[in-house]
Every structure is written in structure tokens, then in C-alpha cells.
């Protein structure tokens, strides 16, 4: 759809730099799509994907990860001892 709009040029230039958009039109489309996506995500989070907090907590059994005493260890490995080769390599 073609339309005429008055857009703050400084804001548009900033959006073009941030997004790397090659044209003003592309920058406006990216900004609009991003706003619509963020709003949709907000709606989904508000709905809670159909689960209550209690249901989500109950869906994870901490006993199924007995070797991990803290959830952060699920995403990070213990570092190799200083001065010794990493056994994972």
C-alpha cells in the first residue's frame, strides 16, 4: 500500500543504522514487523501458554537431574583444572 507519512528523519536514520536496512521503506517495515512481533509475544506470555505456574513447576522433576545440584550447571561445564589439559578435547 502506498501512503505519504511524516516521519522524524533522525529516528528513521537511527532505525536504518540499527537494523542495517538499505532503504527507508525497509527500515519502516522492519520496525513495524518488530513491534507486531513484540506485541504477539507479550500476548502469549500473558496467556501463560495455557499452564498455571503450579502446572509448569510440576512438569519438571528435579530428581531426573540428580547429578546437578544447581540449575545453572545444566548450561555450563566445570572448568578444567588450571595447567592441565581439558579432558573434553
N, C-alpha and C. Protein backbone atom coordinates (compact mmCIF):
# COMPACT_ATOMS: atom_id res chain seq x y z
N UNK A 1 0.85 -1.17 0.00
CA UNK A 1 0.00 0.00 0.00
C UNK A 1 0.90 1.23 0.00
N UNK A 2 0.58 2.14 -0.81
CA UNK A 2 1.36 3.36 -0.90
C UNK A 2 0.69 4.43 -0.05
N UNK A 3 1.51 5.16 0.74
CA UNK A 3 0.97 6.25 1.55
C UNK A 3 2.04 7.29 1.80
N UNK A 4 1.61 8.47 2.12
CA UNK A 4 2.52 9.56 2.45
C UNK A 4 2.47 9.76 3.95
N UNK A 5 3.67 9.81 4.56
CA UNK A 5 3.74 9.96 6.02
C UNK A 5 4.84 10.94 6.36
N UNK A 6 4.68 11.60 7.50
CA UNK A 6 5.72 12.48 8.02
C UNK A 6 6.39 11.72 9.16
N UNK A 7 7.66 11.34 8.96
CA UNK A 7 8.41 10.56 9.94
C UNK A 7 9.63 11.37 10.34
N UNK A 8 9.91 11.41 11.63
CA UNK A 8 11.09 12.09 12.15
C UNK A 8 12.34 11.48 11.48
N UNK A 9 13.08 12.29 10.73
CA UNK A 9 14.22 11.77 9.97
C UNK A 9 15.33 11.26 10.87
N UNK A 10 15.54 11.88 12.01
CA UNK A 10 16.58 11.41 12.94
C UNK A 10 16.25 10.00 13.44
N UNK A 11 14.98 9.79 13.77
CA UNK A 11 14.56 8.47 14.24
C UNK A 11 14.70 7.45 13.12
N UNK A 12 14.28 7.83 11.93
CA UNK A 12 14.37 6.92 10.79
C UNK A 12 15.83 6.58 10.47
N UNK A 13 16.72 7.57 10.52
CA UNK A 13 18.14 7.31 10.30
C UNK A 13 18.69 6.35 11.35
N UNK A 14 18.26 6.56 12.60
CA UNK A 14 18.72 5.67 13.68
C UNK A 14 18.24 4.25 13.45
N UNK A 15 16.99 4.09 13.06
CA UNK A 15 16.44 2.76 12.78
C UNK A 15 17.20 2.10 11.63
N UNK A 16 17.53 2.88 10.61
CA UNK A 16 18.28 2.33 9.47
C UNK A 16 19.66 1.85 9.91
N UNK A 17 20.31 2.61 10.79
CA UNK A 17 21.63 2.20 11.28
C UNK A 17 21.53 0.96 12.17
N UNK A 18 20.54 0.94 13.04
CA UNK A 18 20.37 -0.18 13.97
C UNK A 18 20.06 -1.47 13.22
N UNK A 19 19.17 -1.39 12.25
CA UNK A 19 18.72 -2.59 11.55
C UNK A 19 19.58 -2.95 10.34
N UNK A 20 20.33 -1.98 9.86
CA UNK A 20 21.09 -2.22 8.64
C UNK A 20 20.21 -2.19 7.40
N UNK A 21 19.03 -1.63 7.55
CA UNK A 21 18.08 -1.56 6.43
C UNK A 21 18.67 -0.72 5.30
N UNK A 22 18.58 -1.23 4.07
CA UNK A 22 19.17 -0.50 2.95
C UNK A 22 18.33 0.69 2.48
N UNK A 23 17.04 0.68 2.81
CA UNK A 23 16.15 1.76 2.38
C UNK A 23 15.27 2.21 3.54
N UNK A 24 14.68 3.38 3.36
CA UNK A 24 13.76 3.88 4.38
C UNK A 24 12.54 2.97 4.48
N UNK A 25 12.07 2.51 3.35
CA UNK A 25 10.92 1.60 3.34
C UNK A 25 11.23 0.32 4.13
N UNK A 26 12.40 -0.25 3.88
CA UNK A 26 12.79 -1.47 4.59
C UNK A 26 12.87 -1.22 6.10
N UNK A 27 13.40 -0.05 6.48
CA UNK A 27 13.52 0.28 7.90
C UNK A 27 12.14 0.39 8.55
N UNK A 28 11.20 1.04 7.87
CA UNK A 28 9.84 1.18 8.41
C UNK A 28 9.18 -0.19 8.51
N UNK A 29 9.34 -1.04 7.48
CA UNK A 29 8.75 -2.37 7.53
C UNK A 29 9.34 -3.20 8.66
N UNK A 30 10.66 -3.13 8.84
CA UNK A 30 11.30 -3.87 9.94
C UNK A 30 10.77 -3.41 11.29
N UNK A 31 10.67 -2.09 11.45
CA UNK A 31 10.19 -1.54 12.72
C UNK A 31 8.76 -1.97 13.01
N UNK A 32 7.90 -1.92 11.99
CA UNK A 32 6.51 -2.33 12.17
C UNK A 32 6.40 -3.82 12.47
N UNK A 33 7.15 -4.64 11.74
CA UNK A 33 7.13 -6.09 11.99
C UNK A 33 7.63 -6.42 13.39
N UNK A 34 8.68 -5.71 13.80
CA UNK A 34 9.23 -5.95 15.14
C UNK A 34 8.22 -5.57 16.22
N UNK A 35 7.54 -4.45 16.05
CA UNK A 35 6.54 -4.04 17.02
C UNK A 35 5.40 -5.05 17.09
N UNK A 36 4.93 -5.52 15.93
CA UNK A 36 3.85 -6.51 15.90
C UNK A 36 4.30 -7.82 16.56
N UNK A 37 5.54 -8.25 16.30
CA UNK A 37 6.07 -9.48 16.90
C UNK A 37 6.17 -9.35 18.42
N UNK A 38 6.68 -8.21 18.88
CA UNK A 38 6.80 -8.00 20.33
C UNK A 38 5.44 -8.01 21.01
N UNK A 39 4.45 -7.41 20.36
CA UNK A 39 3.11 -7.40 20.94
C UNK A 39 2.54 -8.82 21.02
N UNK A 40 2.77 -9.62 19.96
CA UNK A 40 2.29 -11.00 19.95
C UNK A 40 2.96 -11.81 21.06
N UNK A 41 4.27 -11.61 21.24
CA UNK A 41 4.99 -12.30 22.32
C UNK A 41 4.42 -11.91 23.68
N UNK A 42 4.13 -10.65 23.85
CA UNK A 42 3.55 -10.16 25.10
C UNK A 42 2.21 -10.84 25.38
N UNK A 43 1.39 -10.97 24.34
CA UNK A 43 0.10 -11.66 24.49
C UNK A 43 0.30 -13.11 24.89
N UNK A 44 1.24 -13.78 24.23
CA UNK A 44 1.49 -15.19 24.55
C UNK A 44 1.99 -15.36 25.99
N UNK A 45 2.89 -14.49 26.41
CA UNK A 45 3.39 -14.58 27.79
C UNK A 45 2.29 -14.30 28.80
N UNK A 46 1.42 -13.35 28.47
CA UNK A 46 0.32 -13.03 29.37
C UNK A 46 -0.63 -14.21 29.52
N UNK A 47 -0.84 -14.92 28.42
CA UNK A 47 -1.72 -16.10 28.45
C UNK A 47 -1.07 -17.27 29.18
N UNK A 48 0.24 -17.25 29.30
CA UNK A 48 0.92 -18.31 30.02
C UNK A 48 0.94 -19.63 29.28
N UNK A 49 0.68 -19.60 27.99
CA UNK A 49 0.67 -20.80 27.16
C UNK A 49 -0.30 -21.85 27.67
N UNK A 50 -1.29 -21.43 28.44
CA UNK A 50 -2.32 -22.34 28.90
C UNK A 50 -2.00 -23.10 30.18
N UNK A 51 -0.84 -22.85 30.78
CA UNK A 51 -0.45 -23.55 32.01
C UNK A 51 -0.43 -22.59 33.18
N UNK A 52 -0.77 -23.10 34.35
CA UNK A 52 -0.61 -22.30 35.57
C UNK A 52 0.82 -22.46 36.03
N UNK A 53 1.27 -21.58 36.92
CA UNK A 53 2.63 -21.67 37.45
C UNK A 53 2.85 -23.00 38.14
N UNK A 54 1.83 -23.49 38.85
CA UNK A 54 1.94 -24.77 39.54
C UNK A 54 2.12 -25.92 38.55
N UNK A 55 1.38 -25.86 37.43
CA UNK A 55 1.50 -26.91 36.42
C UNK A 55 2.90 -26.92 35.79
N UNK A 56 3.43 -25.74 35.55
CA UNK A 56 4.78 -25.67 34.98
C UNK A 56 5.81 -26.23 35.96
N UNK A 57 5.70 -25.86 37.24
CA UNK A 57 6.63 -26.39 38.25
C UNK A 57 6.52 -27.91 38.36
N UNK A 58 5.30 -28.41 38.29
CA UNK A 58 5.08 -29.85 38.43
C UNK A 58 5.56 -30.62 37.20
N UNK A 59 5.71 -29.95 36.07
CA UNK A 59 6.12 -30.65 34.85
C UNK A 59 7.61 -30.97 34.81
N UNK A 60 8.40 -30.40 35.73
CA UNK A 60 9.83 -30.67 35.78
C UNK A 60 10.13 -31.41 37.08
N UNK A 61 10.70 -32.58 36.95
CA UNK A 61 11.06 -33.38 38.11
C UNK A 61 12.53 -33.17 38.44
N UNK A 62 12.85 -32.45 39.53
CA UNK A 62 14.25 -32.21 39.88
C UNK A 62 15.03 -33.51 40.10
N UNK A 63 14.35 -34.58 40.46
CA UNK A 63 15.03 -35.86 40.69
C UNK A 63 15.55 -36.46 39.39
N UNK A 64 15.06 -35.98 38.26
CA UNK A 64 15.55 -36.53 36.99
C UNK A 64 16.92 -35.98 36.63
N UNK A 65 17.42 -35.03 37.41
CA UNK A 65 18.76 -34.48 37.22
C UNK A 65 19.56 -34.60 38.51
N UNK A 66 19.76 -35.81 39.05
CA UNK A 66 20.41 -35.95 40.36
C UNK A 66 21.87 -35.50 40.36
N UNK A 67 22.54 -35.52 39.20
CA UNK A 67 23.95 -35.12 39.17
C UNK A 67 24.15 -33.62 39.22
N UNK A 68 23.06 -32.86 39.09
CA UNK A 68 23.15 -31.41 39.12
C UNK A 68 22.48 -30.89 40.39
N UNK A 69 23.26 -30.20 41.21
CA UNK A 69 22.68 -29.65 42.43
C UNK A 69 22.21 -28.21 42.24
N UNK A 70 22.43 -27.67 41.06
CA UNK A 70 22.01 -26.31 40.78
C UNK A 70 21.65 -26.21 39.30
N UNK A 71 20.52 -25.55 38.95
CA UNK A 71 20.08 -25.48 37.56
C UNK A 71 21.12 -24.84 36.63
N UNK A 72 21.96 -23.93 37.13
CA UNK A 72 22.94 -23.27 36.27
C UNK A 72 23.95 -24.26 35.71
N UNK A 73 24.18 -25.36 36.40
CA UNK A 73 25.14 -26.35 35.92
C UNK A 73 24.61 -27.08 34.68
N UNK A 74 23.35 -26.93 34.37
CA UNK A 74 22.82 -27.56 33.17
C UNK A 74 23.33 -26.86 31.91
N UNK A 75 23.75 -25.62 32.02
CA UNK A 75 24.18 -24.88 30.84
C UNK A 75 25.67 -24.57 30.82
N UNK A 76 26.39 -24.95 31.85
CA UNK A 76 27.82 -24.65 31.89
C UNK A 76 28.56 -25.86 32.46
N UNK A 77 29.75 -26.06 31.95
CA UNK A 77 30.59 -27.15 32.44
C UNK A 77 31.57 -26.61 33.45
N UNK A 78 32.04 -27.49 34.33
CA UNK A 78 33.09 -27.11 35.26
C UNK A 78 34.37 -26.88 34.46
N UNK A 79 35.13 -25.84 34.77
CA UNK A 79 36.36 -25.59 34.02
C UNK A 79 37.40 -26.67 34.32
N UNK A 80 38.29 -26.89 33.36
CA UNK A 80 39.38 -27.84 33.56
C UNK A 80 40.33 -27.25 34.59
N UNK A 81 40.98 -28.11 35.38
CA UNK A 81 41.95 -27.59 36.36
C UNK A 81 43.04 -26.79 35.66
N UNK A 82 43.47 -25.73 36.30
CA UNK A 82 44.48 -24.84 35.73
C UNK A 82 45.77 -25.61 35.44
N UNK A 83 46.30 -25.45 34.25
CA UNK A 83 47.57 -26.07 33.91
C UNK A 83 47.44 -27.50 33.40
N UNK A 84 46.25 -28.04 33.37
CA UNK A 84 46.05 -29.41 32.89
C UNK A 84 45.17 -29.35 31.65
N UNK A 85 45.37 -30.28 30.71
CA UNK A 85 44.52 -30.27 29.50
C UNK A 85 43.06 -30.53 29.82
N UNK A 86 42.22 -29.96 29.03
CA UNK A 86 40.79 -30.15 29.18
C UNK A 86 40.44 -31.57 28.69
N UNK A 87 39.87 -32.43 29.57
CA UNK A 87 39.59 -33.81 29.17
C UNK A 87 38.52 -33.91 28.08
N UNK A 88 37.74 -32.86 27.87
CA UNK A 88 36.70 -32.89 26.85
C UNK A 88 37.27 -32.74 25.44
N UNK A 89 38.53 -32.32 25.33
CA UNK A 89 39.12 -32.08 23.99
C UNK A 89 39.94 -33.24 23.55
